[in-house]
Amino acid sequence: MPHLIIEHSENLNIPIAQLIQAVHQGAERTQLFDPATIKTRAIAYANYQLGGPHQGFIHVQAHIIAGRSLAQKQLLSDTLLNALHSVCGDEPLNLSVHPYDLEPEIYRKN
């Protein structure tokens, strides 16, 4: 755990493998998770609409087991957002991160 799901516009000028690596390593840097349990994937969207001057977007959903403190979730959000900034540079993109709690009583895996 966690599951890091990177949703992004299809028009990025960034290699997606580099984006995935930056987000994955960002989660590792927080030291909140066993590195062997971090899972990162990306989903591209061809159809979307944005307000304002942004020409694309990247949104990271960080699904984590419930029980982390607010400070830990803020650390995760800040670190992942910084990772996005590091690979995006000055691209006119809408960047966002949102941690989501997974309830251990109902989460299942094999």
C-alpha atoms as a PDB file:
ATOM      1  CA  MET A   1       0.000   0.000   0.000  1.00  0.00           C
ATOM      2  CA  PRO A   2      -0.458   2.735  -1.280  1.00  0.00           C
ATOM      3  CA  HIS A   3      -2.070   2.652  -4.699  1.00  0.00           C
ATOM      4  CA  LEU A   4      -1.021   5.788  -6.581  1.00  0.00           C
ATOM      5  CA  ILE A   5      -3.271   6.462  -9.549  1.00  0.00           C
ATOM      6  CA  ILE A   6      -2.076   9.217 -11.857  1.00  0.00           C
ATOM      7  CA  GLU A   7      -4.888  10.596 -13.994  1.00  0.00           C
ATOM      8  CA  HIS A   8      -3.632  12.917 -16.727  1.00  0.00           C
ATOM      9  CA  SER A   9      -4.544  14.599 -19.967  1.00  0.00           C
ATOM     10  CA  GLU A  10      -3.361  12.761 -23.032  1.00  0.00           C
ATOM     11  CA  ASN A  11      -1.486  15.807 -24.364  1.00  0.00           C
ATOM     12  CA  LEU A  12       1.412  15.873 -21.884  1.00  0.00           C
ATOM     13  CA  ASN A  13       4.883  16.785 -23.160  1.00  0.00           C
ATOM     14  CA  ILE A  14       6.388  14.593 -20.439  1.00  0.00           C
ATOM     15  CA  PRO A  15       7.334  10.928 -20.864  1.00  0.00           C
ATOM     16  CA  ILE A  16       4.722   9.015 -18.865  1.00  0.00           C
ATOM     17  CA  ALA A  17       7.361   6.602 -17.541  1.00  0.00           C
ATOM     18  CA  GLN A  18       9.201   9.606 -16.081  1.00  0.00           C
ATOM     19  CA  LEU A  19       5.978  10.890 -14.501  1.00  0.00           C
ATOM     20  CA  ILE A  20       5.255   7.486 -12.939  1.00  0.00           C
ATOM     21  CA  GLN A  21       8.805   7.218 -11.625  1.00  0.00           C
ATOM     22  CA  ALA A  22       8.714  10.713 -10.087  1.00  0.00           C
ATOM     23  CA  VAL A  23       5.439  10.033  -8.258  1.00  0.00           C
ATOM     24  CA  HIS A  24       6.560   6.577  -7.122  1.00  0.00           C
ATOM     25  CA  GLN A  25       9.870   7.905  -5.794  1.00  0.00           C
ATOM     26  CA  GLY A  26       8.040  10.778  -4.115  1.00  0.00           C
ATOM     27  CA  ALA A  27       5.971   8.285  -2.133  1.00  0.00           C
ATOM     28  CA  GLU A  28       9.166   6.442  -1.187  1.00  0.00           C
ATOM     29  CA  ARG A  29      10.774   9.703   0.026  1.00  0.00           C
ATOM     30  CA  THR A  30       8.002  10.248   2.571  1.00  0.00           C
ATOM     31  CA  GLN A  31       9.113   7.075   4.381  1.00  0.00           C
ATOM     32  CA  LEU A  32       5.452   6.454   5.236  1.00  0.00           C
ATOM     33  CA  PHE A  33       5.327   3.146   3.354  1.00  0.00           C
ATOM     34  CA  ASP A  34       7.355   0.009   2.808  1.00  0.00           C
ATOM     35  CA  PRO A  35       8.795   0.679  -0.678  1.00  0.00           C
ATOM     36  CA  ALA A  36       7.952  -2.878  -1.752  1.00  0.00           C
ATOM     37  CA  THR A  37       4.231  -2.143  -1.261  1.00  0.00           C
ATOM     38  CA  ILE A  38       3.932   1.033  -3.365  1.00  0.00           C
ATOM     39  CA  LYS A  39       1.984   0.567  -6.599  1.00  0.00           C
ATOM     40  CA  THR A  40       1.835   3.349  -9.209  1.00  0.00           C
ATOM     41  CA  ARG A  41      -0.090   3.496 -12.468  1.00  0.00           C
ATOM     42  CA  ALA A  42      -1.239   6.132 -14.950  1.00  0.00           C
ATOM     43  CA  ILE A  43      -4.459   6.649 -16.879  1.00  0.00           C
ATOM     44  CA  ALA A  44      -4.620   9.069 -19.828  1.00  0.00           C
ATOM     45  CA  TYR A  45      -7.769  10.984 -20.747  1.00  0.00           C
ATOM     46  CA  ALA A  46      -8.422  12.137 -24.308  1.00  0.00           C
ATOM     47  CA  ASN A  47     -11.709  13.830 -23.424  1.00  0.00           C
ATOM     48  CA  TYR A  48     -11.814  16.473 -20.691  1.00  0.00           C
ATOM     49  CA  GLN A  49     -12.598  20.152 -20.165  1.00  0.00           C
ATOM     50  CA  LEU A  50     -10.634  22.581 -18.006  1.00  0.00           C
ATOM     51  CA  GLY A  51     -11.399  26.105 -16.913  1.00  0.00           C
ATOM     52  CA  GLY A  52      -8.774  28.835 -16.982  1.00  0.00           C
ATOM     53  CA  PRO A  53      -5.500  28.936 -18.877  1.00  0.00           C
ATOM     54  CA  HIS A  54      -4.403  25.355 -18.221  1.00  0.00           C
ATOM     55  CA  GLN A  55      -3.904  23.201 -21.301  1.00  0.00           C
ATOM     56  CA  GLY A  56      -3.789  19.865 -19.484  1.00  0.00           C
ATOM     57  CA  PHE A  57      -3.857  18.260 -16.073  1.00  0.00           C
ATOM     58  CA  ILE A  58      -2.289  15.719 -13.760  1.00  0.00           C
ATOM     59  CA  HIS A  59      -4.186  14.491 -10.709  1.00  0.00           C
ATOM     60  CA  VAL A  60      -2.764  11.915  -8.310  1.00  0.00           C
ATOM     61  CA  GLN A  61      -5.098   9.808  -6.209  1.00  0.00           C
ATOM     62  CA  ALA A  62      -3.199   8.280  -3.291  1.00  0.00           C
ATOM     63  CA  HIS A  63      -5.249   5.436  -1.832  1.00  0.00           C
ATOM     64  CA  ILE A  64      -3.822   4.588   1.588  1.00  0.00           C
ATOM     65  CA  ILE A  65      -4.941   2.441   4.500  1.00  0.00           C
ATOM     66  CA  ALA A  66      -6.838   4.582   7.013  1.00  0.00           C
ATOM     67  CA  GLY A  67      -5.072   5.554  10.203  1.00  0.00           C
ATOM     68  CA  ARG A  68      -2.474   8.051   9.009  1.00  0.00           C
ATOM     69  CA  SER A  69      -2.403  11.408  10.777  1.00  0.00           C
ATOM     70  CA  LEU A  70      -3.335  14.659   9.088  1.00  0.00           C
ATOM     71  CA  ALA A  71       0.344  15.667   9.169  1.00  0.00           C
ATOM     72  CA  GLN A  72       1.330  12.421   7.397  1.00  0.00           C
ATOM     73  CA  LYS A  73      -1.316  12.969   4.718  1.00  0.00           C
ATOM     74  CA  GLN A  74      -0.120  16.556   4.251  1.00  0.00           C
ATOM     75  CA  LEU A  75       3.460  15.316   3.920  1.00  0.00           C
ATOM     76  CA  LEU A  76       2.335  12.848   1.266  1.00  0.00           C
ATOM     77  CA  SER A  77       0.336  15.485  -0.646  1.00  0.00           C
ATOM     78  CA  ASP A  78       3.137  18.056  -0.499  1.00  0.00           C
ATOM     79  CA  THR A  79       5.821  15.558  -1.526  1.00  0.00           C
ATOM     80  CA  LEU A  80       3.806  14.203  -4.453  1.00  0.00           C
ATOM     81  CA  LEU A  81       2.894  17.706  -5.629  1.00  0.00           C
ATOM     82  CA  ASN A  82       6.574  18.680  -5.495  1.00  0.00           C
ATOM     83  CA  ALA A  83       7.375  15.566  -7.538  1.00  0.00           C
ATOM     84  CA  LEU A  84       4.857  16.687 -10.160  1.00  0.00           C
ATOM     85  CA  HIS A  85       6.398  20.162 -10.268  1.00  0.00           C
ATOM     86  CA  SER A  86       9.847  18.623 -10.712  1.00  0.00           C
ATOM     87  CA  VAL A  87       8.844  16.806 -13.917  1.00  0.00           C
ATOM     88  CA  CYS A  88       6.407  19.388 -15.306  1.00  0.00           C
ATOM     89  CA  GLY A  89       8.549  22.493 -15.107  1.00  0.00           C
ATOM     90  CA  ASP A  90       6.677  25.460 -16.558  1.00  0.00           C
ATOM     91  CA  GLU A  91       4.086  23.443 -18.476  1.00  0.00           C
ATOM     92  CA  PRO A  92       0.637  25.111 -18.215  1.00  0.00           C
ATOM     93  CA  LEU A  93      -0.913  22.193 -16.339  1.00  0.00           C
ATOM     94  CA  ASN A  94      -3.427  21.918 -13.547  1.00  0.00           C
ATOM     95  CA  LEU A  95      -1.667  19.779 -10.881  1.00  0.00           C
ATOM     96  CA  SER A  96      -3.406  18.213  -7.894  1.00  0.00           C
ATOM     97  CA  VAL A  97      -3.016  15.442  -5.307  1.00  0.00           C
ATOM     98  CA  HIS A  98      -5.622  13.893  -3.028  1.00  0.00           C
ATOM     99  CA  PRO A  99      -5.039  11.130  -0.448  1.00  0.00           C
ATOM    100  CA  TYR A 100      -8.001   8.817   0.113  1.00  0.00           C
ATOM    101  CA  ASP A 101      -8.404   6.527   3.117  1.00  0.00           C
ATOM    102  CA  LEU A 102      -9.113   2.855   2.470  1.00  0.00           C
ATOM    103  CA  GLU A 103     -10.942   1.228   5.348  1.00  0.00           C
ATOM    104  CA  PRO A 104      -8.980  -1.879   6.378  1.00  0.00           C
ATOM    105  CA  GLU A 105     -12.178  -3.625   7.462  1.00  0.00           C
ATOM    106  CA  ILE A 106     -13.463  -3.698   3.882  1.00  0.00           C
ATOM    107  CA  TYR A 107     -10.315  -3.490   1.725  1.00  0.00           C
ATOM    108  CA  ARG A 108      -9.379  -6.865   0.210  1.00  0.00           C
ATOM    109  CA  LYS A 109      -6.378  -8.099  -1.750  1.00  0.00           C
ATOM    110  CA  ASN A 110      -4.759 -11.426  -2.496  1.00  0.00           C
END
